[in-house]
All heavy atoms as atom14 arrays in JSON, in Angstrom:
{
  "sequence": "KQFAKIIQFQSSINKLTQSRYDSLLDIGLDSGFSDQSHFIRTFKRY",
  "atom14_mask": [
    [1, 1, 1, 1, 1, 1, 1, 1, 1, 0, 0, 0, 0, 0],
    [1, 1, 1, 1, 1, 1, 1, 1, 1, 0, 0, 0, 0, 0],
    [1, 1, 1, 1, 1, 1, 1, 1, 1, 1, 1, 0, 0, 0],
    [1, 1, 1, 1, 1, 0, 0, 0, 0, 0, 0, 0, 0, 0],
    [1, 1, 1, 1, 1, 1, 1, 1, 1, 0, 0, 0, 0, 0],
    [1, 1, 1, 1, 1, 1, 1, 1, 0, 0, 0, 0, 0, 0],
    [1, 1, 1, 1, 1, 1, 1, 1, 0, 0, 0, 0, 0, 0],
    [1, 1, 1, 1, 1, 1, 1, 1, 1, 0, 0, 0, 0, 0],
    [1, 1, 1, 1, 1, 1, 1, 1, 1, 1, 1, 0, 0, 0],
    [1, 1, 1, 1, 1, 1, 1, 1, 1, 0, 0, 0, 0, 0],
    [1, 1, 1, 1, 1, 1, 0, 0, 0, 0, 0, 0, 0, 0],
    [1, 1, 1, 1, 1, 1, 0, 0, 0, 0, 0, 0, 0, 0],
    [1, 1, 1, 1, 1, 1, 1, 1, 0, 0, 0, 0, 0, 0],
    [1, 1, 1, 1, 1, 1, 1, 1, 0, 0, 0, 0, 0, 0],
    [1, 1, 1, 1, 1, 1, 1, 1, 1, 0, 0, 0, 0, 0],
    [1, 1, 1, 1, 1, 1, 1, 1, 0, 0, 0, 0, 0, 0],
    [1, 1, 1, 1, 1, 1, 1, 0, 0, 0, 0, 0, 0, 0],
    [1, 1, 1, 1, 1, 1, 1, 1, 1, 0, 0, 0, 0, 0],
    [1, 1, 1, 1, 1, 1, 0, 0, 0, 0, 0, 0, 0, 0],
    [1, 1, 1, 1, 1, 1, 1, 1, 1, 1, 1, 0, 0, 0],
    [1, 1, 1, 1, 1, 1, 1, 1, 1, 1, 1, 1, 0, 0],
    [1, 1, 1, 1, 1, 1, 1, 1, 0, 0, 0, 0, 0, 0],
    [1, 1, 1, 1, 1, 1, 0, 0, 0, 0, 0, 0, 0, 0],
    [1, 1, 1, 1, 1, 1, 1, 1, 0, 0, 0, 0, 0, 0],
    [1, 1, 1, 1, 1, 1, 1, 1, 0, 0, 0, 0, 0, 0],
    [1, 1, 1, 1, 1, 1, 1, 1, 0, 0, 0, 0, 0, 0],
    [1, 1, 1, 1, 1, 1, 1, 1, 0, 0, 0, 0, 0, 0],
    [1, 1, 1, 1, 0, 0, 0, 0, 0, 0, 0, 0, 0, 0],
    [1, 1, 1, 1, 1, 1, 1, 1, 0, 0, 0, 0, 0, 0],
    [1, 1, 1, 1, 1, 1, 1, 1, 0, 0, 0, 0, 0, 0],
    [1, 1, 1, 1, 1, 1, 0, 0, 0, 0, 0, 0, 0, 0],
    [1, 1, 1, 1, 0, 0, 0, 0, 0, 0, 0, 0, 0, 0],
    [1, 1, 1, 1, 1, 1, 1, 1, 1, 1, 1, 0, 0, 0],
    [1, 1, 1, 1, 1, 1, 0, 0, 0, 0, 0, 0, 0, 0],
    [1, 1, 1, 1, 1, 1, 1, 1, 0, 0, 0, 0, 0, 0],
    [1, 1, 1, 1, 1, 1, 1, 1, 1, 0, 0, 0, 0, 0],
    [1, 1, 1, 1, 1, 1, 0, 0, 0, 0, 0, 0, 0, 0],
    [1, 1, 1, 1, 1, 1, 1, 1, 1, 1, 0, 0, 0, 0],
    [1, 1, 1, 1, 1, 1, 1, 1, 1, 1, 1, 0, 0, 0],
    [1, 1, 1, 1, 1, 1, 1, 1, 0, 0, 0, 0, 0, 0],
    [1, 1, 1, 1, 1, 1, 1, 1, 1, 1, 1, 0, 0, 0],
    [1, 1, 1, 1, 1, 1, 1, 0, 0, 0, 0, 0, 0, 0],
    [1, 1, 1, 1, 1, 1, 1, 1, 1, 1, 1, 0, 0, 0],
    [1, 1, 1, 1, 1, 1, 1, 1, 1, 0, 0, 0, 0, 0],
    [1, 1, 1, 1, 1, 1, 1, 1, 1, 1, 1, 0, 0, 0],
    [1, 1, 1, 1, 1, 1, 1, 1, 1, 1, 1, 1, 0, 0]
  ],
  "atom14_positions": [
    [[3.79, 1.52, 40.27], [4.6, 1.17, 39.11], [3.75, 0.82, 37.91], [4.04, 1.2, 36.77], [5.56, 0.04, 39.45], [6.7, 0.44, 40.39], [7.65, -0.72, 40.66], [8.78, -0.31, 41.58], [9.7, -1.43, 41.88], [0.0, 0.0, 0.0], [0.0, 0.0, 0.0], [0.0, 0.0, 0.0], [0.0, 0.0, 0.0], [0.0, 0.0, 0.0]],
    [[2.65, 0.06, 38.13], [1.74, -0.28, 37.04], [1.14, 0.98, 36.45], [1.06, 1.14, 35.23], [0.62, -1.18, 37.55], [0.99, -2.63, 37.76], [-0.18, -3.43, 38.3], [-0.83, -3.03, 39.25], [-0.43, -4.58, 37.68], [0.0, 0.0, 0.0], [0.0, 0.0, 0.0], [0.0, 0.0, 0.0], [0.0, 0.0, 0.0], [0.0, 0.0, 0.0]],
    [[0.7, 1.86, 37.33], [0.07, 3.1, 36.86], [1.06, 3.95, 36.07], [0.72, 4.48, 35.01], [-0.49, 3.89, 38.05], [-1.19, 5.16, 37.66], [-2.42, 5.11, 37.03], [-0.61, 6.39, 37.93], [-3.07, 6.29, 36.67], [-1.25, 7.56, 37.57], [-2.48, 7.51, 36.94], [0.0, 0.0, 0.0], [0.0, 0.0, 0.0], [0.0, 0.0, 0.0]],
    [[2.28, 4.07, 36.58], [3.3, 4.87, 35.89], [3.6, 4.27, 34.5], [3.77, 5.02, 33.52], [4.57, 4.94, 36.72], [0.0, 0.0, 0.0], [0.0, 0.0, 0.0], [0.0, 0.0, 0.0], [0.0, 0.0, 0.0], [0.0, 0.0, 0.0], [0.0, 0.0, 0.0], [0.0, 0.0, 0.0], [0.0, 0.0, 0.0], [0.0, 0.0, 0.0]],
    [[3.66, 2.94, 34.4], [3.91, 2.29, 33.12], [2.79, 2.59, 32.12], [3.02, 2.81, 30.93], [4.06, 0.78, 33.3], [5.4, 0.34, 33.86], [6.5, 0.59, 32.84], [7.84, 0.1, 33.33], [8.95, 0.46, 32.38], [0.0, 0.0, 0.0], [0.0, 0.0, 0.0], [0.0, 0.0, 0.0], [0.0, 0.0, 0.0], [0.0, 0.0, 0.0]],
    [[1.55, 2.59, 32.62], [0.41, 2.87, 31.74], [0.45, 4.32, 31.26], [0.21, 4.61, 30.08], [-0.91, 2.57, 32.49], [-1.09, 1.05, 32.62], [-2.1, 3.19, 31.78], [-2.26, 0.64, 33.48], [0.0, 0.0, 0.0], [0.0, 0.0, 0.0], [0.0, 0.0, 0.0], [0.0, 0.0, 0.0], [0.0, 0.0, 0.0], [0.0, 0.0, 0.0]],
    [[0.77, 5.24, 32.15], [0.86, 6.65, 31.75], [2.01, 6.84, 30.77], [1.9, 7.61, 29.8], [1.04, 7.55, 32.99], [-0.18, 7.45, 33.91], [1.29, 8.99, 32.57], [-1.5, 7.83, 33.26], [0.0, 0.0, 0.0], [0.0, 0.0, 0.0], [0.0, 0.0, 0.0], [0.0, 0.0, 0.0], [0.0, 0.0, 0.0], [0.0, 0.0, 0.0]],
    [[3.12, 6.14, 30.97], [4.25, 6.19, 30.05], [3.82, 5.68, 28.67], [4.15, 6.26, 27.63], [5.41, 5.38, 30.58], [6.66, 5.43, 29.71], [7.75, 4.49, 30.21], [7.47, 3.51, 30.9], [8.99, 4.79, 29.89], [0.0, 0.0, 0.0], [0.0, 0.0, 0.0], [0.0, 0.0, 0.0], [0.0, 0.0, 0.0], [0.0, 0.0, 0.0]],
    [[3.08, 4.56, 28.66], [2.59, 4.01, 27.4], [1.66, 5.0, 26.69], [1.75, 5.21, 25.48], [1.85, 2.69, 27.67], [0.83, 2.34, 26.64], [1.21, 1.94, 25.36], [-0.53, 2.43, 26.93], [0.26, 1.64, 24.39], [-1.48, 2.13, 25.97], [-1.09, 1.74, 24.7], [0.0, 0.0, 0.0], [0.0, 0.0, 0.0], [0.0, 0.0, 0.0]],
    [[0.75, 5.61, 27.46], [-0.17, 6.57, 26.86], [0.57, 7.76, 26.26], [0.19, 8.3, 25.22], [-1.19, 7.06, 27.89], [-2.42, 6.18, 27.99], [-3.22, 6.13, 26.72], [-3.45, 7.15, 26.07], [-3.68, 4.95, 26.35], [0.0, 0.0, 0.0], [0.0, 0.0, 0.0], [0.0, 0.0, 0.0], [0.0, 0.0, 0.0], [0.0, 0.0, 0.0]],
    [[1.64, 8.17, 26.91], [2.47, 9.25, 26.37], [3.05, 8.85, 25.03], [3.08, 9.63, 24.08], [3.6, 9.58, 27.36], [4.54, 10.47, 26.8], [0.0, 0.0, 0.0], [0.0, 0.0, 0.0], [0.0, 0.0, 0.0], [0.0, 0.0, 0.0], [0.0, 0.0, 0.0], [0.0, 0.0, 0.0], [0.0, 0.0, 0.0], [0.0, 0.0, 0.0]],
    [[3.5, 7.59, 24.94], [4.1, 7.12, 23.68], [3.06, 7.01, 22.57], [3.34, 7.3, 21.41], [4.79, 5.78, 23.9], [3.85, 4.72, 24.05], [0.0, 0.0, 0.0], [0.0, 0.0, 0.0], [0.0, 0.0, 0.0], [0.0, 0.0, 0.0], [0.0, 0.0, 0.0], [0.0, 0.0, 0.0], [0.0, 0.0, 0.0], [0.0, 0.0, 0.0]],
    [[1.84, 6.61, 22.92], [0.79, 6.46, 21.91], [0.37, 7.83, 21.36], [0.02, 7.98, 20.2], [-0.41, 5.67, 22.47], [-1.08, 4.86, 21.36], [-1.43, 6.54, 23.14], [-2.15, 3.9, 21.87], [0.0, 0.0, 0.0], [0.0, 0.0, 0.0], [0.0, 0.0, 0.0], [0.0, 0.0, 0.0], [0.0, 0.0, 0.0], [0.0, 0.0, 0.0]],
    [[0.43, 8.85, 22.22], [0.14, 10.2, 21.75], [1.25, 10.71, 20.84], [0.98, 11.36, 19.81], [-0.01, 11.15, 22.96], [-1.25, 10.83, 23.76], [-2.23, 10.3, 23.24], [-1.23, 11.17, 25.04], [0.0, 0.0, 0.0], [0.0, 0.0, 0.0], [0.0, 0.0, 0.0], [0.0, 0.0, 0.0], [0.0, 0.0, 0.0], [0.0, 0.0, 0.0]],
    [[2.48, 10.43, 21.18], [3.61, 10.86, 20.34], [3.63, 10.14, 18.99], [4.1, 10.7, 17.99], [4.93, 10.59, 21.08], [5.19, 11.45, 22.31], [6.53, 11.11, 22.94], [6.88, 12.03, 24.09], [6.04, 11.8, 25.28], [0.0, 0.0, 0.0], [0.0, 0.0, 0.0], [0.0, 0.0, 0.0], [0.0, 0.0, 0.0], [0.0, 0.0, 0.0]],
    [[3.09, 8.95, 18.96], [3.11, 8.14, 17.75], [2.36, 8.83, 16.6], [2.69, 8.64, 15.43], [2.48, 6.77, 18.03], [2.7, 5.67, 17.0], [4.17, 5.37, 16.79], [1.96, 4.4, 17.42], [0.0, 0.0, 0.0], [0.0, 0.0, 0.0], [0.0, 0.0, 0.0], [0.0, 0.0, 0.0], [0.0, 0.0, 0.0], [0.0, 0.0, 0.0]],
    [[1.37, 9.61, 16.93], [0.58, 10.29, 15.91], [1.11, 11.69, 15.56], [0.52, 12.39, 14.74], [-0.89, 10.41, 16.38], [-0.93, 11.14, 17.6], [-1.49, 9.03, 16.61], [0.0, 0.0, 0.0], [0.0, 0.0, 0.0], [0.0, 0.0, 0.0], [0.0, 0.0, 0.0], [0.0, 0.0, 0.0], [0.0, 0.0, 0.0], [0.0, 0.0, 0.0]],
    [[2.2, 12.08, 16.18], [2.76, 13.4, 15.93], [3.84, 13.33, 14.85], [4.74, 12.49, 14.91], [3.36, 14.0, 17.21], [2.34, 14.21, 18.32], [2.98, 14.66, 19.61], [4.16, 15.01, 19.65], [2.2, 14.68, 20.68], [0.0, 0.0, 0.0], [0.0, 0.0, 0.0], [0.0, 0.0, 0.0], [0.0, 0.0, 0.0], [0.0, 0.0, 0.0]],
    [[3.75, 14.19, 13.89], [4.65, 14.15, 12.73], [6.06, 14.63, 13.03], [6.97, 14.47, 12.22], [4.07, 14.98, 11.59], [3.87, 16.32, 12.01], [0.0, 0.0, 0.0], [0.0, 0.0, 0.0], [0.0, 0.0, 0.0], [0.0, 0.0, 0.0], [0.0, 0.0, 0.0], [0.0, 0.0, 0.0], [0.0, 0.0, 0.0], [0.0, 0.0, 0.0]],
    [[6.29, 15.2, 14.23], [7.61, 15.76, 14.51], [8.65, 14.69, 14.83], [9.84, 14.99, 14.95], [7.54, 16.76, 15.66], [7.19, 16.17, 17.0], [6.96, 17.28, 18.02], [6.63, 16.8, 19.34], [7.51, 16.53, 20.29], [8.81, 16.67, 20.04], [7.13, 16.12, 21.49], [0.0, 0.0, 0.0], [0.0, 0.0, 0.0], [0.0, 0.0, 0.0]],
    [[8.22, 13.42, 14.94], [9.16, 12.34, 15.22], [9.54, 11.61, 13.94], [8.69, 11.32, 13.09], [8.56, 11.35, 16.22], [8.43, 11.93, 17.61], [7.25, 12.54, 18.02], [9.5, 11.87, 18.51], [7.13, 13.08, 19.3], [9.39, 12.41, 19.77], [8.21, 13.01, 20.17], [8.11, 13.55, 21.42], [0.0, 0.0, 0.0], [0.0, 0.0, 0.0]],
    [[10.83, 11.32, 13.79], [11.34, 10.7, 12.57], [11.3, 9.17, 12.61], [11.32, 8.52, 11.56], [12.78, 11.15, 12.28], [12.86, 12.65, 12.03], [11.92, 13.19, 11.42], [13.85, 13.27, 12.44], [0.0, 0.0, 0.0], [0.0, 0.0, 0.0], [0.0, 0.0, 0.0], [0.0, 0.0, 0.0], [0.0, 0.0, 0.0], [0.0, 0.0, 0.0]],
    [[11.29, 8.58, 13.8], [11.37, 7.12, 13.88], [10.76, 6.61, 15.17], [10.54, 7.37, 16.13], [12.82, 6.66, 13.8], [13.53, 7.08, 14.98], [0.0, 0.0, 0.0], [0.0, 0.0, 0.0], [0.0, 0.0, 0.0], [0.0, 0.0, 0.0], [0.0, 0.0, 0.0], [0.0, 0.0, 0.0], [0.0, 0.0, 0.0], [0.0, 0.0, 0.0]],
    [[10.48, 5.29, 15.21], [9.97, 4.67, 16.43], [11.01, 4.76, 17.55], [10.65, 4.89, 18.73], [9.63, 3.2, 16.17], [8.44, 2.91, 15.28], [8.26, 1.42, 15.12], [7.17, 3.53, 15.85], [0.0, 0.0, 0.0], [0.0, 0.0, 0.0], [0.0, 0.0, 0.0], [0.0, 0.0, 0.0], [0.0, 0.0, 0.0], [0.0, 0.0, 0.0]],
    [[12.28, 4.7, 17.2], [13.33, 4.83, 18.21], [13.24, 6.17, 18.91], [13.35, 6.24, 20.14], [14.71, 4.67, 17.55], [15.92, 4.86, 18.47], [15.89, 3.84, 19.61], [17.21, 4.75, 17.68], [0.0, 0.0, 0.0], [0.0, 0.0, 0.0], [0.0, 0.0, 0.0], [0.0, 0.0, 0.0], [0.0, 0.0, 0.0], [0.0, 0.0, 0.0]],
    [[13.04, 7.25, 18.14], [12.93, 8.58, 18.73], [11.74, 8.67, 19.69], [11.84, 9.24, 20.77], [12.78, 9.64, 17.64], [14.05, 9.81, 16.82], [15.11, 9.4, 17.3], [13.97, 10.33, 15.68], [0.0, 0.0, 0.0], [0.0, 0.0, 0.0], [0.0, 0.0, 0.0], [0.0, 0.0, 0.0], [0.0, 0.0, 0.0], [0.0, 0.0, 0.0]],
    [[10.61, 8.08, 19.28], [9.42, 8.09, 20.12], [9.67, 7.31, 21.41], [9.35, 7.77, 22.5], [8.2, 7.48, 19.36], [7.83, 8.36, 18.18], [7.01, 7.31, 20.31], [6.78, 7.76, 17.27], [0.0, 0.0, 0.0], [0.0, 0.0, 0.0], [0.0, 0.0, 0.0], [0.0, 0.0, 0.0], [0.0, 0.0, 0.0], [0.0, 0.0, 0.0]],
    [[10.26, 6.12, 21.27], [10.53, 5.28, 22.43], [11.47, 5.95, 23.42], [11.22, 5.96, 24.62], [0.0, 0.0, 0.0], [0.0, 0.0, 0.0], [0.0, 0.0, 0.0], [0.0, 0.0, 0.0], [0.0, 0.0, 0.0], [0.0, 0.0, 0.0], [0.0, 0.0, 0.0], [0.0, 0.0, 0.0], [0.0, 0.0, 0.0], [0.0, 0.0, 0.0]],
    [[12.54, 6.53, 22.92], [13.52, 7.18, 23.79], [12.91, 8.4, 24.47], [13.13, 8.65, 25.66], [14.76, 7.57, 22.99], [15.61, 6.4, 22.47], [16.75, 6.93, 21.61], [16.13, 5.55, 23.6], [0.0, 0.0, 0.0], [0.0, 0.0, 0.0], [0.0, 0.0, 0.0], [0.0, 0.0, 0.0], [0.0, 0.0, 0.0], [0.0, 0.0, 0.0]],
    [[12.13, 9.2, 23.72], [11.52, 10.39, 24.29], [10.45, 10.03, 25.32], [10.14, 10.83, 26.2], [10.91, 11.25, 23.17], [10.59, 12.66, 23.64], [11.38, 13.24, 24.4], [9.52, 13.17, 23.27], [0.0, 0.0, 0.0], [0.0, 0.0, 0.0], [0.0, 0.0, 0.0], [0.0, 0.0, 0.0], [0.0, 0.0, 0.0], [0.0, 0.0, 0.0]],
    [[9.9, 8.82, 25.2], [8.89, 8.36, 26.16], [9.51, 7.66, 27.36], [8.79, 7.2, 28.24], [7.91, 7.41, 25.47], [7.26, 8.05, 24.38], [0.0, 0.0, 0.0], [0.0, 0.0, 0.0], [0.0, 0.0, 0.0], [0.0, 0.0, 0.0], [0.0, 0.0, 0.0], [0.0, 0.0, 0.0], [0.0, 0.0, 0.0], [0.0, 0.0, 0.0]],
    [[10.84, 7.55, 27.37], [11.52, 6.99, 28.53], [11.84, 5.51, 28.46], [12.27, 4.92, 29.45], [0.0, 0.0, 0.0], [0.0, 0.0, 0.0], [0.0, 0.0, 0.0], [0.0, 0.0, 0.0], [0.0, 0.0, 0.0], [0.0, 0.0, 0.0], [0.0, 0.0, 0.0], [0.0, 0.0, 0.0], [0.0, 0.0, 0.0], [0.0, 0.0, 0.0]],
    [[11.67, 4.9, 27.28], [12.01, 3.49, 27.12], [13.51, 3.36, 26.83], [14.09, 4.23, 26.17], [11.17, 2.84, 26.02], [9.7, 2.8, 26.33], [8.84, 3.77, 25.83], [9.18, 1.81, 27.14], [7.49, 3.75, 26.12], [7.82, 1.78, 27.45], [6.98, 2.75, 26.94], [0.0, 0.0, 0.0], [0.0, 0.0, 0.0], [0.0, 0.0, 0.0]],
    [[14.09, 2.26, 27.28], [15.55, 2.11, 27.17], [16.01, 1.93, 25.74], [17.1, 2.36, 25.38], [16.01, 0.92, 28.02], [15.32, -0.27, 27.63], [0.0, 0.0, 0.0], [0.0, 0.0, 0.0], [0.0, 0.0, 0.0], [0.0, 0.0, 0.0], [0.0, 0.0, 0.0], [0.0, 0.0, 0.0], [0.0, 0.0, 0.0], [0.0, 0.0, 0.0]],
    [[15.2, 1.3, 24.91], [15.55, 1.13, 23.5], [14.27, 0.81, 22.72], [13.18, 0.71, 23.28], [16.59, 0.0, 23.31], [16.17, -1.3, 23.99], [14.98, -1.67, 23.89], [17.03, -1.94, 24.62], [0.0, 0.0, 0.0], [0.0, 0.0, 0.0], [0.0, 0.0, 0.0], [0.0, 0.0, 0.0], [0.0, 0.0, 0.0], [0.0, 0.0, 0.0]],
    [[14.42, 0.64, 21.41], [13.26, 0.43, 20.55], [12.53, -0.87, 20.87], [11.31, -0.93, 20.87], [13.66, 0.45, 19.07], [12.48, 0.34, 18.11], [12.89, 0.6, 16.68], [13.68, 1.49, 16.4], [12.34, -0.18, 15.74], [0.0, 0.0, 0.0], [0.0, 0.0, 0.0], [0.0, 0.0, 0.0], [0.0, 0.0, 0.0], [0.0, 0.0, 0.0]],
    [[13.29, -1.93, 21.14], [12.66, -3.22, 21.41], [11.83, -3.17, 22.71], [10.76, -3.78, 22.8], [13.7, -4.33, 21.49], [14.61, -4.09, 22.55], [0.0, 0.0, 0.0], [0.0, 0.0, 0.0], [0.0, 0.0, 0.0], [0.0, 0.0, 0.0], [0.0, 0.0, 0.0], [0.0, 0.0, 0.0], [0.0, 0.0, 0.0], [0.0, 0.0, 0.0]],
    [[12.33, -2.43, 23.71], [11.59, -2.26, 24.97], [10.28, -1.52, 24.69], [9.21, -1.89, 25.22], [12.45, -1.47, 25.97], [11.79, -1.28, 27.29], [12.1, -0.21, 28.12], [10.82, -1.98, 27.92], [11.36, -0.28, 29.2], [10.58, -1.35, 29.11], [0.0, 0.0, 0.0], [0.0, 0.0, 0.0], [0.0, 0.0, 0.0], [0.0, 0.0, 0.0]],
    [[10.34, -0.5, 23.87], [9.15, 0.26, 23.5], [8.14, -0.63, 22.78], [6.94, -0.63, 23.11], [9.57, 1.45, 22.61], [8.42, 2.17, 21.96], [7.29, 2.52, 22.67], [8.48, 2.49, 20.59], [6.25, 3.2, 22.05], [7.45, 3.16, 19.99], [6.32, 3.51, 20.71], [0.0, 0.0, 0.0], [0.0, 0.0, 0.0], [0.0, 0.0, 0.0]],
    [[8.59, -1.42, 21.82], [7.69, -2.26, 21.03], [7.04, -3.32, 21.92], [5.84, -3.59, 21.82], [8.46, -2.91, 19.85], [8.87, -1.83, 18.84], [7.59, -3.97, 19.18], [9.75, -2.34, 17.72], [0.0, 0.0, 0.0], [0.0, 0.0, 0.0], [0.0, 0.0, 0.0], [0.0, 0.0, 0.0], [0.0, 0.0, 0.0], [0.0, 0.0, 0.0]],
    [[7.81, -3.93, 22.82], [7.27, -4.96, 23.72], [6.17, -4.37, 24.61], [5.11, -4.97, 24.8], [8.38, -5.55, 24.6], [9.3, -6.5, 23.9], [10.08, -7.36, 24.91], [10.73, -6.56, 25.94], [11.95, -6.03, 25.82], [12.64, -6.19, 24.7], [12.47, -5.34, 26.82], [0.0, 0.0, 0.0], [0.0, 0.0, 0.0], [0.0, 0.0, 0.0]],
    [[6.44, -3.2, 25.16], [5.46, -2.56, 26.05], [4.2, -2.18, 25.28], [3.07, -2.4, 25.73], [6.05, -1.32, 26.72], [7.22, -1.69, 27.46], [5.05, -0.65, 27.64], [0.0, 0.0, 0.0], [0.0, 0.0, 0.0], [0.0, 0.0, 0.0], [0.0, 0.0, 0.0], [0.0, 0.0, 0.0], [0.0, 0.0, 0.0], [0.0, 0.0, 0.0]],
    [[4.39, -1.61, 24.11], [3.26, -1.19, 23.27], [2.39, -2.39, 22.91], [1.16, -2.32, 22.98], [3.8, -0.52, 21.99], [2.77, 0.28, 21.26], [2.66, 1.64, 21.48], [1.91, -0.33, 20.33], [1.71, 2.39, 20.81], [0.97, 0.41, 19.66], [0.87, 1.78, 19.89], [0.0, 0.0, 0.0], [0.0, 0.0, 0.0], [0.0, 0.0, 0.0]],
    [[3.03, -3.49, 22.57], [2.29, -4.69, 22.18], [1.54, -5.29, 23.37], [0.44, -5.84, 23.22], [3.24, -5.71, 21.57], [2.54, -6.81, 20.77], [3.54, -7.63, 19.98], [2.81, -8.68, 19.13], [3.74, -9.48, 18.32], [0.0, 0.0, 0.0], [0.0, 0.0, 0.0], [0.0, 0.0, 0.0], [0.0, 0.0, 0.0], [0.0, 0.0, 0.0]],
    [[2.11, -5.18, 24.56], [1.46, -5.72, 25.75], [0.14, -5.01, 26.01], [-0.85, -5.64, 26.4], [2.37, -5.53, 26.97], [1.78, -6.1, 28.28], [2.54, -5.61, 29.49], [3.97, -5.67, 29.29], [4.85, -4.81, 29.82], [4.42, -3.8, 30.57], [6.14, -4.95, 29.6], [0.0, 0.0, 0.0], [0.0, 0.0, 0.0], [0.0, 0.0, 0.0]],
    [[0.09, -3.7, 25.78], [-1.11, -2.94, 26.08], [-2.12, -2.87, 24.92], [-3.29, -2.6, 25.16], [-0.74, -1.51, 26.51], [-0.09, -1.46, 27.87], [1.17, -0.9, 28.05], [-0.74, -1.95, 29.0], [1.78, -0.84, 29.29], [-0.16, -1.9, 30.24], [1.09, -1.34, 30.39], [1.68, -1.29, 31.64], [0.0, 0.0, 0.0], [0.0, 0.0, 0.0]]
  ]
}
């Protein structure tokens, strides 16, 4: 589970630099996070 969370986070960090996303919400949802706040909490943890 730890490893999967890290790989999920890395996926989101790669998407963050891609211009095809319009918002943090879109990045978070496409990376499998339940909502934007969940995405931000995880990102900040790592």
